[in-house]
Amino acid sequence: MKPSHVSLRAVCLADKPFLLSLRKLTMTGHLQNAKQPTDDAEHMARIHFHIEDARIIQWNTVDVGLLKAYRSDGYWIILQIQILPDYQKQGIGTEAIRTILAIAKHENVTVRLGVLKENQARRLYERLGFVVSSETEIDYQMSFTG
């Protein structure tokens, strides 16, 4: 199903409860499988990391997810993308990622991201053209050169 309208907006202080709920819903199971901490303090630390680079993903003006990405030396990094479970598999994440891919293409740079090995999102990234460039015990590092 094609999303009706996907947009991004800056994160504000009032979004923190939404971001904590979103992170718990989308990441706790993956983190538990990877034997990583899942307490609220760890979730909040991850939320605050690069918060200035975070955007709320909206679908028809409804807050449905998070995209955190930033420009580094010679490439873009997608740190996090999370979509509420009820809105997954509708093309919303794809459209959000394509926003970064379009910017990177215009700037003629690579896009990089990491994904936990247990996370099914790897299939989405591969469909978009990302390839595994390296791996650790718990995650894959992926790159898109477009």
C-alpha atoms as a PDB file:
ATOM      1  CA  MET A   1       0.000   0.000   0.000  1.00  0.00           C
ATOM      2  CA  LYS A   2       1.425   3.373  -1.008  1.00  0.00           C
ATOM      3  CA  PRO A   3       1.541   5.991   1.759  1.00  0.00           C
ATOM      4  CA  SER A   4      -0.814   8.923   1.235  1.00  0.00           C
ATOM      5  CA  HIS A   5       1.533  11.590   2.507  1.00  0.00           C
ATOM      6  CA  VAL A   6       4.797  11.102   4.382  1.00  0.00           C
ATOM      7  CA  SER A   7       6.508  14.149   5.877  1.00  0.00           C
ATOM      8  CA  LEU A   8       9.260  14.860   8.385  1.00  0.00           C
ATOM      9  CA  ARG A   9       9.246  17.426  11.163  1.00  0.00           C
ATOM     10  CA  ALA A  10      11.776  18.429  13.804  1.00  0.00           C
ATOM     11  CA  VAL A  11      11.644  16.712  17.189  1.00  0.00           C
ATOM     12  CA  CYS A  12      10.570  18.853  20.156  1.00  0.00           C
ATOM     13  CA  LEU A  13      10.625  18.300  23.927  1.00  0.00           C
ATOM     14  CA  ALA A  14       6.973  17.247  23.941  1.00  0.00           C
ATOM     15  CA  ASP A  15       7.863  14.278  21.682  1.00  0.00           C
ATOM     16  CA  LYS A  16       9.921  12.422  24.310  1.00  0.00           C
ATOM     17  CA  PRO A  17       7.041  10.243  25.608  1.00  0.00           C
ATOM     18  CA  PHE A  18       6.180   9.297  22.007  1.00  0.00           C
ATOM     19  CA  LEU A  19       9.838   8.535  21.248  1.00  0.00           C
ATOM     20  CA  LEU A  20      10.211   6.332  24.338  1.00  0.00           C
ATOM     21  CA  SER A  21       7.041   4.419  23.518  1.00  0.00           C
ATOM     22  CA  LEU A  22       8.092   4.067  19.867  1.00  0.00           C
ATOM     23  CA  ARG A  23      11.538   2.803  20.815  1.00  0.00           C
ATOM     24  CA  LYS A  24      10.144   0.270  23.285  1.00  0.00           C
ATOM     25  CA  LEU A  25       7.617  -1.030  20.762  1.00  0.00           C
ATOM     26  CA  THR A  26      10.065  -1.290  17.877  1.00  0.00           C
ATOM     27  CA  MET A  27      13.405  -2.123  19.472  1.00  0.00           C
ATOM     28  CA  THR A  28      12.984  -4.012  22.759  1.00  0.00           C
ATOM     29  CA  GLY A  29      12.578  -7.441  21.175  1.00  0.00           C
ATOM     30  CA  HIS A  30      15.553  -6.953  18.840  1.00  0.00           C
ATOM     31  CA  LEU A  31      17.729  -5.690  21.677  1.00  0.00           C
ATOM     32  CA  GLN A  32      16.738  -8.596  23.922  1.00  0.00           C
ATOM     33  CA  ASN A  33      17.624 -11.065  21.143  1.00  0.00           C
ATOM     34  CA  ALA A  34      21.004  -9.355  20.802  1.00  0.00           C
ATOM     35  CA  LYS A  35      21.447  -9.486  24.606  1.00  0.00           C
ATOM     36  CA  GLN A  36      21.583  -5.687  24.837  1.00  0.00           C
ATOM     37  CA  PRO A  37      20.092  -3.543  27.636  1.00  0.00           C
ATOM     38  CA  THR A  38      16.414  -2.594  27.309  1.00  0.00           C
ATOM     39  CA  ASP A  39      15.709  -0.505  30.414  1.00  0.00           C
ATOM     40  CA  ASP A  40      14.212   2.988  30.095  1.00  0.00           C
ATOM     41  CA  ALA A  41      17.543   4.683  30.868  1.00  0.00           C
ATOM     42  CA  GLU A  42      19.222   2.899  27.937  1.00  0.00           C
ATOM     43  CA  HIS A  43      16.297   3.694  25.633  1.00  0.00           C
ATOM     44  CA  MET A  44      16.433   7.374  26.658  1.00  0.00           C
ATOM     45  CA  ALA A  45      20.200   7.501  26.152  1.00  0.00           C
ATOM     46  CA  ARG A  46      19.720   6.259  22.588  1.00  0.00           C
ATOM     47  CA  ILE A  47      16.870   8.736  22.025  1.00  0.00           C
ATOM     48  CA  HIS A  48      19.075  11.639  23.177  1.00  0.00           C
ATOM     49  CA  PHE A  49      22.041  10.534  21.038  1.00  0.00           C
ATOM     50  CA  HIS A  50      22.083  12.891  18.022  1.00  0.00           C
ATOM     51  CA  ILE A  51      18.610  14.182  18.956  1.00  0.00           C
ATOM     52  CA  GLU A  52      19.403  17.312  16.938  1.00  0.00           C
ATOM     53  CA  ASP A  53      19.429  15.093  13.833  1.00  0.00           C
ATOM     54  CA  ALA A  54      16.074  13.469  14.605  1.00  0.00           C
ATOM     55  CA  ARG A  55      12.860  13.966  12.656  1.00  0.00           C
ATOM     56  CA  ILE A  56       9.405  12.700  13.473  1.00  0.00           C
ATOM     57  CA  ILE A  57       7.932  10.787  10.545  1.00  0.00           C
ATOM     58  CA  GLN A  58       4.337  11.788   9.933  1.00  0.00           C
ATOM     59  CA  TRP A  59       1.782  10.018   7.790  1.00  0.00           C
ATOM     60  CA  ASN A  60      -1.115  12.299   6.908  1.00  0.00           C
ATOM     61  CA  THR A  61      -0.101  14.522   9.887  1.00  0.00           C
ATOM     62  CA  VAL A  62      -0.104  11.578  12.363  1.00  0.00           C
ATOM     63  CA  ASP A  63       3.177  10.906  14.190  1.00  0.00           C
ATOM     64  CA  VAL A  64       4.118   7.353  13.197  1.00  0.00           C
ATOM     65  CA  GLY A  65       7.888   7.106  13.507  1.00  0.00           C
ATOM     66  CA  LEU A  66      11.384   8.479  13.796  1.00  0.00           C
ATOM     67  CA  LEU A  67      14.183   9.075  11.306  1.00  0.00           C
ATOM     68  CA  LYS A  68      17.567  10.083  12.675  1.00  0.00           C
ATOM     69  CA  ALA A  69      20.215  10.870  10.055  1.00  0.00           C
ATOM     70  CA  TYR A  70      23.118  13.231   9.657  1.00  0.00           C
ATOM     71  CA  ARG A  71      25.824  14.270   7.197  1.00  0.00           C
ATOM     72  CA  SER A  72      29.362  13.274   8.075  1.00  0.00           C
ATOM     73  CA  ASP A  73      32.632  13.635   6.177  1.00  0.00           C
ATOM     74  CA  GLY A  74      31.844  12.268   2.735  1.00  0.00           C
ATOM     75  CA  TYR A  75      28.653  10.368   3.542  1.00  0.00           C
ATOM     76  CA  TRP A  76      25.259  10.352   5.240  1.00  0.00           C
ATOM     77  CA  ILE A  77      24.552   8.133   8.254  1.00  0.00           C
ATOM     78  CA  ILE A  78      21.083   6.840   9.062  1.00  0.00           C
ATOM     79  CA  LEU A  79      21.261   6.223  12.796  1.00  0.00           C
ATOM     80  CA  GLN A  80      17.703   5.138  13.431  1.00  0.00           C
ATOM     81  CA  ILE A  81      14.470   4.569  11.645  1.00  0.00           C
ATOM     82  CA  GLN A  82      11.513   3.308  13.591  1.00  0.00           C
ATOM     83  CA  ILE A  83       7.876   3.045  12.540  1.00  0.00           C
ATOM     84  CA  LEU A  84       4.990   2.192  14.877  1.00  0.00           C
ATOM     85  CA  PRO A  85       3.971  -1.460  14.323  1.00  0.00           C
ATOM     86  CA  ASP A  86       0.460  -0.534  13.110  1.00  0.00           C
ATOM     87  CA  TYR A  87       2.015   1.560  10.315  1.00  0.00           C
ATOM     88  CA  GLN A  88       4.772  -0.817   9.214  1.00  0.00           C
ATOM     89  CA  LYS A  89       4.752  -2.484   5.786  1.00  0.00           C
ATOM     90  CA  GLN A  90       2.894   0.444   4.212  1.00  0.00           C
ATOM     91  CA  GLY A  91       5.840   2.112   2.488  1.00  0.00           C
ATOM     92  CA  ILE A  92       6.277   4.843   5.097  1.00  0.00           C
ATOM     93  CA  GLY A  93       9.807   3.827   6.109  1.00  0.00           C
ATOM     94  CA  THR A  94      10.770   3.431   2.468  1.00  0.00           C
ATOM     95  CA  GLU A  95       9.644   6.981   1.677  1.00  0.00           C
ATOM     96  CA  ALA A  96      11.501   8.384   4.696  1.00  0.00           C
ATOM     97  CA  ILE A  97      14.730   6.608   3.704  1.00  0.00           C
ATOM     98  CA  ARG A  98      14.334   7.735   0.089  1.00  0.00           C
ATOM     99  CA  THR A  99      14.418  11.324   1.358  1.00  0.00           C
ATOM    100  CA  ILE A 100      17.969  10.751   2.626  1.00  0.00           C
ATOM    101  CA  LEU A 101      18.944   8.775  -0.490  1.00  0.00           C
ATOM    102  CA  ALA A 102      17.819  11.684  -2.699  1.00  0.00           C
ATOM    103  CA  ILE A 103      19.870  14.185  -0.712  1.00  0.00           C
ATOM    104  CA  ALA A 104      22.907  11.875  -0.837  1.00  0.00           C
ATOM    105  CA  LYS A 105      22.506  11.406  -4.593  1.00  0.00           C
ATOM    106  CA  HIS A 106      22.349  15.161  -5.086  1.00  0.00           C
ATOM    107  CA  GLU A 107      25.534  15.507  -2.971  1.00  0.00           C
ATOM    108  CA  ASN A 108      27.129  12.478  -4.712  1.00  0.00           C
ATOM    109  CA  VAL A 109      27.899  10.706  -1.414  1.00  0.00           C
ATOM    110  CA  THR A 110      27.307   7.295   0.144  1.00  0.00           C
ATOM    111  CA  VAL A 111      24.673   6.492   2.792  1.00  0.00           C
ATOM    112  CA  ARG A 112      25.562   4.175   5.675  1.00  0.00           C
ATOM    113  CA  LEU A 113      23.536   2.502   8.390  1.00  0.00           C
ATOM    114  CA  GLY A 114      23.710  -0.321  10.908  1.00  0.00           C
ATOM    115  CA  VAL A 115      21.058  -2.942  11.575  1.00  0.00           C
ATOM    116  CA  LEU A 116      20.887  -5.588  14.292  1.00  0.00           C
ATOM    117  CA  LYS A 117      21.261  -9.059  12.811  1.00  0.00           C
ATOM    118  CA  GLU A 118      17.873 -10.125  14.202  1.00  0.00           C
ATOM    119  CA  ASN A 119      16.076  -7.147  12.688  1.00  0.00           C
ATOM    120  CA  GLN A 120      13.926  -7.906   9.634  1.00  0.00           C
ATOM    121  CA  ALA A 121      14.495  -4.318   8.427  1.00  0.00           C
ATOM    122  CA  ARG A 122      17.624  -5.594   6.701  1.00  0.00           C
ATOM    123  CA  ARG A 123      15.380  -6.852   3.888  1.00  0.00           C
ATOM    124  CA  LEU A 124      13.971  -3.346   3.402  1.00  0.00           C
ATOM    125  CA  TYR A 125      17.461  -1.869   3.208  1.00  0.00           C
ATOM    126  CA  GLU A 126      18.547  -4.500   0.689  1.00  0.00           C
ATOM    127  CA  ARG A 127      15.456  -3.801  -1.470  1.00  0.00           C
ATOM    128  CA  LEU A 128      16.463  -0.139  -1.482  1.00  0.00           C
ATOM    129  CA  GLY A 129      19.971  -1.042  -2.690  1.00  0.00           C
ATOM    130  CA  PHE A 130      22.005  -1.180   0.521  1.00  0.00           C
ATOM    131  CA  VAL A 131      24.675  -3.884   0.748  1.00  0.00           C
ATOM    132  CA  VAL A 132      26.454  -5.309   3.783  1.00  0.00           C
ATOM    133  CA  SER A 133      29.899  -3.730   4.009  1.00  0.00           C
ATOM    134  CA  SER A 134      30.960  -5.236   7.352  1.00  0.00           C
ATOM    135  CA  GLU A 135      29.528  -6.965  10.400  1.00  0.00           C
ATOM    136  CA  THR A 136      30.040  -7.415  14.111  1.00  0.00           C
ATOM    137  CA  GLU A 137      28.738 -10.095  16.402  1.00  0.00           C
ATOM    138  CA  ILE A 138      25.415  -8.259  16.765  1.00  0.00           C
ATOM    139  CA  ASP A 139      24.899  -6.092  13.680  1.00  0.00           C
ATOM    140  CA  TYR A 140      25.528  -5.468   9.991  1.00  0.00           C
ATOM    141  CA  GLN A 141      26.955  -2.241   8.631  1.00  0.00           C
ATOM    142  CA  MET A 142      25.358  -1.453   5.288  1.00  0.00           C
ATOM    143  CA  SER A 143      26.163   1.064   2.552  1.00  0.00           C
ATOM    144  CA  PHE A 144      24.277   2.568  -0.367  1.00  0.00           C
ATOM    145  CA  THR A 145      26.264   4.108  -3.174  1.00  0.00           C
ATOM    146  CA  GLY A 146      23.367   4.627  -5.599  1.00  0.00           C
END
